[in-house]
Amino acid sequence: MKLSAAGFPDDLSTYGVISGLWSSSFALGAFVGPSVSGYLFDVVGFQYGTFFVISTHLLL
């Protein structure tokens, strides 16, 4: 879908907002993922923590 078809102007500011949202989401995932998995492995152990991660990947 083109941005102009969605009602957004096709200019540099729109691409800047999209790039900022993409970078912010990537950085948040890079922080939250290891933090949650480290806590999960400490609480339930490696075997069950790995099962949770594999289940999440299969679900997605």
PDB file of N, CA and C in Angstrom:
ATOM      1  N   MET A   1       0.842  -1.169   0.000  1.00  0.00           N
ATOM      2  CA  MET A   1       0.000   0.000   0.000  1.00  0.00           C
ATOM      3  C   MET A   1       0.887   1.231   0.000  1.00  0.00           C
ATOM      4  N   LYS A   2       0.572   2.140  -0.852  1.00  0.00           N
ATOM      5  CA  LYS A   2       1.322   3.390  -0.880  1.00  0.00           C
ATOM      6  C   LYS A   2       0.858   4.301   0.247  1.00  0.00           C
ATOM      7  N   LEU A   3       1.756   5.118   0.739  1.00  0.00           N
ATOM      8  CA  LEU A   3       1.417   6.025   1.827  1.00  0.00           C
ATOM      9  C   LEU A   3       0.362   7.036   1.414  1.00  0.00           C
ATOM     10  N   SER A   4       0.422   7.506   0.180  1.00  0.00           N
ATOM     11  CA  SER A   4      -0.548   8.492  -0.270  1.00  0.00           C
ATOM     12  C   SER A   4      -1.953   7.900  -0.341  1.00  0.00           C
ATOM     13  N   ALA A   5      -2.076   6.603  -0.610  1.00  0.00           N
ATOM     14  CA  ALA A   5      -3.385   5.952  -0.643  1.00  0.00           C
ATOM     15  C   ALA A   5      -3.980   5.857   0.759  1.00  0.00           C
ATOM     16  N   ALA A   6      -3.141   5.852   1.788  1.00  0.00           N
ATOM     17  CA  ALA A   6      -3.614   5.787   3.168  1.00  0.00           C
ATOM     18  C   ALA A   6      -3.879   7.170   3.746  1.00  0.00           C
ATOM     19  N   GLY A   7      -3.664   8.219   2.966  1.00  0.00           N
ATOM     20  CA  GLY A   7      -3.938   9.568   3.423  1.00  0.00           C
ATOM     21  C   GLY A   7      -2.743  10.314   3.985  1.00  0.00           C
ATOM     22  N   PHE A   8      -1.559   9.738   3.903  1.00  0.00           N
ATOM     23  CA  PHE A   8      -0.354  10.397   4.392  1.00  0.00           C
ATOM     24  C   PHE A   8       0.361  11.072   3.235  1.00  0.00           C
ATOM     25  N   PRO A   9       0.962  12.224   3.491  1.00  0.00           N
ATOM     26  CA  PRO A   9       1.722  12.870   2.417  1.00  0.00           C
ATOM     27  C   PRO A   9       2.970  12.058   2.063  1.00  0.00           C
ATOM     28  N   ASP A  10       3.327  12.055   0.807  1.00  0.00           N
ATOM     29  CA  ASP A  10       4.489  11.299   0.340  1.00  0.00           C
ATOM     30  C   ASP A  10       5.707  12.229   0.357  1.00  0.00           C
ATOM     31  N   ASP A  11       6.177  12.521   1.573  1.00  0.00           N
ATOM     32  CA  ASP A  11       7.328  13.410   1.698  1.00  0.00           C
ATOM     33  C   ASP A  11       8.298  12.882   2.758  1.00  0.00           C
ATOM     34  N   LEU A  12       9.353  13.610   2.970  1.00  0.00           N
ATOM     35  CA  LEU A  12      10.437  13.178   3.854  1.00  0.00           C
ATOM     36  C   LEU A  12       9.993  13.064   5.314  1.00  0.00           C
ATOM     37  N   SER A  13       9.087  13.924   5.766  1.00  0.00           N
ATOM     38  CA  SER A  13       8.659  13.865   7.168  1.00  0.00           C
ATOM     39  C   SER A  13       7.895  12.575   7.465  1.00  0.00           C
ATOM     40  N   THR A  14       7.091  12.106   6.525  1.00  0.00           N
ATOM     41  CA  THR A  14       6.375  10.846   6.723  1.00  0.00           C
ATOM     42  C   THR A  14       7.348   9.684   6.815  1.00  0.00           C
ATOM     43  N   TYR A  15       8.329   9.668   5.929  1.00  0.00           N
ATOM     44  CA  TYR A  15       9.331   8.607   5.976  1.00  0.00           C
ATOM     45  C   TYR A  15      10.167   8.683   7.253  1.00  0.00           C
ATOM     46  N   GLY A  16      10.381   9.875   7.765  1.00  0.00           N
ATOM     47  CA  GLY A  16      11.102  10.036   9.030  1.00  0.00           C
ATOM     48  C   GLY A  16      10.328   9.469  10.204  1.00  0.00           C
ATOM     49  N   VAL A  17       9.014   9.686  10.224  1.00  0.00           N
ATOM     50  CA  VAL A  17       8.178   9.139  11.293  1.00  0.00           C
ATOM     51  C   VAL A  17       8.168   7.616  11.229  1.00  0.00           C
ATOM     52  N   ILE A  18       8.024   7.072  10.042  1.00  0.00           N
ATOM     53  CA  ILE A  18       8.018   5.617   9.882  1.00  0.00           C
ATOM     54  C   ILE A  18       9.362   5.029  10.302  1.00  0.00           C
ATOM     55  N   SER A  19      10.437   5.660   9.906  1.00  0.00           N
ATOM     56  CA  SER A  19      11.763   5.178  10.286  1.00  0.00           C
ATOM     57  C   SER A  19      11.963   5.246  11.799  1.00  0.00           C
ATOM     58  N   GLY A  20      11.489   6.311  12.423  1.00  0.00           N
ATOM     59  CA  GLY A  20      11.603   6.442  13.873  1.00  0.00           C
ATOM     60  C   GLY A  20      10.802   5.389  14.613  1.00  0.00           C
ATOM     61  N   LEU A  21       9.584   5.112  14.143  1.00  0.00           N
ATOM     62  CA  LEU A  21       8.765   4.074  14.767  1.00  0.00           C
ATOM     63  C   LEU A  21       9.405   2.698  14.620  1.00  0.00           C
ATOM     64  N   TRP A  22       9.941   2.434  13.434  1.00  0.00           N
ATOM     65  CA  TRP A  22      10.602   1.143  13.193  1.00  0.00           C
ATOM     66  C   TRP A  22      11.822   0.981  14.100  1.00  0.00           C
ATOM     67  N   SER A  23      12.638   2.015  14.189  1.00  0.00           N
ATOM     68  CA  SER A  23      13.851   1.945  15.017  1.00  0.00           C
ATOM     69  C   SER A  23      13.503   1.824  16.496  1.00  0.00           C
ATOM     70  N   SER A  24      12.492   2.555  16.944  1.00  0.00           N
ATOM     71  CA  SER A  24      12.078   2.483  18.344  1.00  0.00           C
ATOM     72  C   SER A  24      11.540   1.103  18.699  1.00  0.00           C
ATOM     73  N   SER A  25      10.732   0.534  17.814  1.00  0.00           N
ATOM     74  CA  SER A  25      10.190  -0.805  18.054  1.00  0.00           C
ATOM     75  C   SER A  25      11.300  -1.846  18.099  1.00  0.00           C
ATOM     76  N   PHE A  26      12.253  -1.736  17.201  1.00  0.00           N
ATOM     77  CA  PHE A  26      13.376  -2.672  17.175  1.00  0.00           C
ATOM     78  C   PHE A  26      14.202  -2.562  18.449  1.00  0.00           C
ATOM     79  N   ALA A  27      14.474  -1.329  18.899  1.00  0.00           N
ATOM     80  CA  ALA A  27      15.264  -1.129  20.111  1.00  0.00           C
ATOM     81  C   ALA A  27      14.520  -1.626  21.344  1.00  0.00           C
ATOM     82  N   LEU A  28      13.206  -1.418  21.399  1.00  0.00           N
ATOM     83  CA  LEU A  28      12.421  -1.911  22.527  1.00  0.00           C
ATOM     84  C   LEU A  28      12.451  -3.432  22.575  1.00  0.00           C
ATOM     85  N   GLY A  29      12.301  -4.075  21.430  1.00  0.00           N
ATOM     86  CA  GLY A  29      12.364  -5.528  21.379  1.00  0.00           C
ATOM     87  C   GLY A  29      13.735  -6.055  21.754  1.00  0.00           C
ATOM     88  N   ALA A  30      14.785  -5.335  21.353  1.00  0.00           N
ATOM     89  CA  ALA A  30      16.146  -5.755  21.692  1.00  0.00           C
ATOM     90  C   ALA A  30      16.419  -5.626  23.191  1.00  0.00           C
ATOM     91  N   PHE A  31      15.684  -4.762  23.869  1.00  0.00           N
ATOM     92  CA  PHE A  31      15.842  -4.621  25.315  1.00  0.00           C
ATOM     93  C   PHE A  31      14.930  -5.580  26.077  1.00  0.00           C
ATOM     94  N   VAL A  32      13.664  -5.641  25.681  1.00  0.00           N
ATOM     95  CA  VAL A  32      12.683  -6.439  26.416  1.00  0.00           C
ATOM     96  C   VAL A  32      12.947  -7.934  26.259  1.00  0.00           C
ATOM     97  N   GLY A  33      13.310  -8.374  25.074  1.00  0.00           N
ATOM     98  CA  GLY A  33      13.517  -9.800  24.828  1.00  0.00           C
ATOM     99  C   GLY A  33      14.539 -10.435  25.753  1.00  0.00           C
ATOM    100  N   PRO A  34      15.768  -9.950  25.776  1.00  0.00           N
ATOM    101  CA  PRO A  34      16.752 -10.553  26.679  1.00  0.00           C
ATOM    102  C   PRO A  34      16.428 -10.363  28.159  1.00  0.00           C
ATOM    103  N   SER A  35      15.798  -9.246  28.498  1.00  0.00           N
ATOM    104  CA  SER A  35      15.448  -9.016  29.906  1.00  0.00           C
ATOM    105  C   SER A  35      14.414 -10.022  30.387  1.00  0.00           C
ATOM    106  N   VAL A  36      13.359 -10.216  29.605  1.00  0.00           N
ATOM    107  CA  VAL A  36      12.309 -11.154  29.990  1.00  0.00           C
ATOM    108  C   VAL A  36      12.826 -12.590  29.958  1.00  0.00           C
ATOM    109  N   SER A  37      13.601 -12.939  28.943  1.00  0.00           N
ATOM    110  CA  SER A  37      14.101 -14.317  28.876  1.00  0.00           C
ATOM    111  C   SER A  37      15.088 -14.607  30.001  1.00  0.00           C
ATOM    112  N   GLY A  38      15.909 -13.655  30.377  1.00  0.00           N
ATOM    113  CA  GLY A  38      16.815 -13.859  31.506  1.00  0.00           C
ATOM    114  C   GLY A  38      16.059 -14.086  32.802  1.00  0.00           C
ATOM    115  N   TYR A  39      15.031 -13.300  33.031  1.00  0.00           N
ATOM    116  CA  TYR A  39      14.196 -13.491  34.222  1.00  0.00           C
ATOM    117  C   TYR A  39      13.480 -14.834  34.164  1.00  0.00           C
ATOM    118  N   LEU A  40      12.959 -15.175  33.000  1.00  0.00           N
ATOM    119  CA  LEU A  40      12.250 -16.439  32.830  1.00  0.00           C
ATOM    120  C   LEU A  40      13.174 -17.630  33.104  1.00  0.00           C
ATOM    121  N   PHE A  41      14.375 -17.589  32.600  1.00  0.00           N
ATOM    122  CA  PHE A  41      15.320 -18.686  32.823  1.00  0.00           C
ATOM    123  C   PHE A  41      15.714 -18.780  34.293  1.00  0.00           C
ATOM    124  N   ASP A  42      15.824 -17.647  34.984  1.00  0.00           N
ATOM    125  CA  ASP A  42      16.136 -17.675  36.414  1.00  0.00           C
ATOM    126  C   ASP A  42      14.992 -18.271  37.222  1.00  0.00           C
ATOM    127  N   VAL A  43      13.756 -18.001  36.819  1.00  0.00           N
ATOM    128  CA  VAL A  43      12.595 -18.444  37.592  1.00  0.00           C
ATOM    129  C   VAL A  43      12.250 -19.909  37.324  1.00  0.00           C
ATOM    130  N   VAL A  44      12.160 -20.299  36.054  1.00  0.00           N
ATOM    131  CA  VAL A  44      11.674 -21.647  35.741  1.00  0.00           C
ATOM    132  C   VAL A  44      12.766 -22.589  35.264  1.00  0.00           C
ATOM    133  N   GLY A  45      13.947 -22.104  35.021  1.00  0.00           N
ATOM    134  CA  GLY A  45      15.032 -22.963  34.561  1.00  0.00           C
ATOM    135  C   GLY A  45      15.156 -22.961  33.047  1.00  0.00           C
ATOM    136  N   PHE A  46      16.254 -23.516  32.593  1.00  0.00           N
ATOM    137  CA  PHE A  46      16.571 -23.466  31.164  1.00  0.00           C
ATOM    138  C   PHE A  46      15.607 -24.295  30.327  1.00  0.00           C
ATOM    139  N   GLN A  47      15.283 -25.501  30.767  1.00  0.00           N
ATOM    140  CA  GLN A  47      14.459 -26.400  29.956  1.00  0.00           C
ATOM    141  C   GLN A  47      13.061 -25.825  29.723  1.00  0.00           C
ATOM    142  N   TYR A  48      12.375 -25.394  30.774  1.00  0.00           N
ATOM    143  CA  TYR A  48      11.028 -24.849  30.610  1.00  0.00           C
ATOM    144  C   TYR A  48      11.056 -23.457  29.972  1.00  0.00           C
ATOM    145  N   GLY A  49      12.095 -22.689  30.240  1.00  0.00           N
ATOM    146  CA  GLY A  49      12.227 -21.387  29.594  1.00  0.00           C
ATOM    147  C   GLY A  49      12.414 -21.518  28.097  1.00  0.00           C
ATOM    148  N   THR A  50      13.208 -22.493  27.679  1.00  0.00           N
ATOM    149  CA  THR A  50      13.399 -22.751  26.255  1.00  0.00           C
ATOM    150  C   THR A  50      12.098 -23.213  25.609  1.00  0.00           C
ATOM    151  N   PHE A  51      11.334 -24.031  26.312  1.00  0.00           N
ATOM    152  CA  PHE A  51      10.041 -24.470  25.806  1.00  0.00           C
ATOM    153  C   PHE A  51       9.115 -23.279  25.587  1.00  0.00           C
ATOM    154  N   PHE A  52       9.128 -22.322  26.503  1.00  0.00           N
ATOM    155  CA  PHE A  52       8.306 -21.115  26.363  1.00  0.00           C
ATOM    156  C   PHE A  52       8.717 -20.305  25.142  1.00  0.00           C
ATOM    157  N   VAL A  53      10.020 -20.146  24.946  1.00  0.00           N
ATOM    158  CA  VAL A  53      10.516 -19.379  23.792  1.00  0.00           C
ATOM    159  C   VAL A  53      10.152 -20.077  22.478  1.00  0.00           C
ATOM    160  N   ILE A  54      10.313 -21.387  22.421  1.00  0.00           N
ATOM    161  CA  ILE A  54       9.962 -22.130  21.212  1.00  0.00           C
ATOM    162  C   ILE A  54       8.460 -22.046  20.963  1.00  0.00           C
ATOM    163  N   SER A  55       7.656 -22.159  22.016  1.00  0.00           N
ATOM    164  CA  SER A  55       6.200 -22.039  21.863  1.00  0.00           C
ATOM    165  C   SER A  55       5.806 -20.664  21.339  1.00  0.00           C
ATOM    166  N   THR A  56       6.449 -19.625  21.825  1.00  0.00           N
ATOM    167  CA  THR A  56       6.159 -18.272  21.370  1.00  0.00           C
ATOM    168  C   THR A  56       6.511 -18.126  19.891  1.00  0.00           C
ATOM    169  N   HIS A  57       7.631 -18.680  19.491  1.00  0.00           N
ATOM    170  CA  HIS A  57       8.019 -18.602  18.079  1.00  0.00           C
ATOM    171  C   HIS A  57       7.036 -19.354  17.186  1.00  0.00           C
ATOM    172  N   LEU A  58       6.597 -20.517  17.638  1.00  0.00           N
ATOM    173  CA  LEU A  58       5.629 -21.281  16.849  1.00  0.00           C
ATOM    174  C   LEU A  58       4.288 -20.543  16.755  1.00  0.00           C
ATOM    175  N   LEU A  59       3.898 -19.889  17.824  1.00  0.00           N
ATOM    176  CA  LEU A  59       2.654 -19.127  17.840  1.00  0.00           C
ATOM    177  C   LEU A  59       2.708 -17.951  16.873  1.00  0.00           C
ATOM    178  N   LEU A  60       3.841 -17.292  16.836  1.00  0.00           N
ATOM    179  CA  LEU A  60       3.975 -16.135  15.937  1.00  0.00           C
ATOM    180  C   LEU A  60       4.134 -16.590  14.505  1.00  0.00           C
TER     181      LEU A  60
END
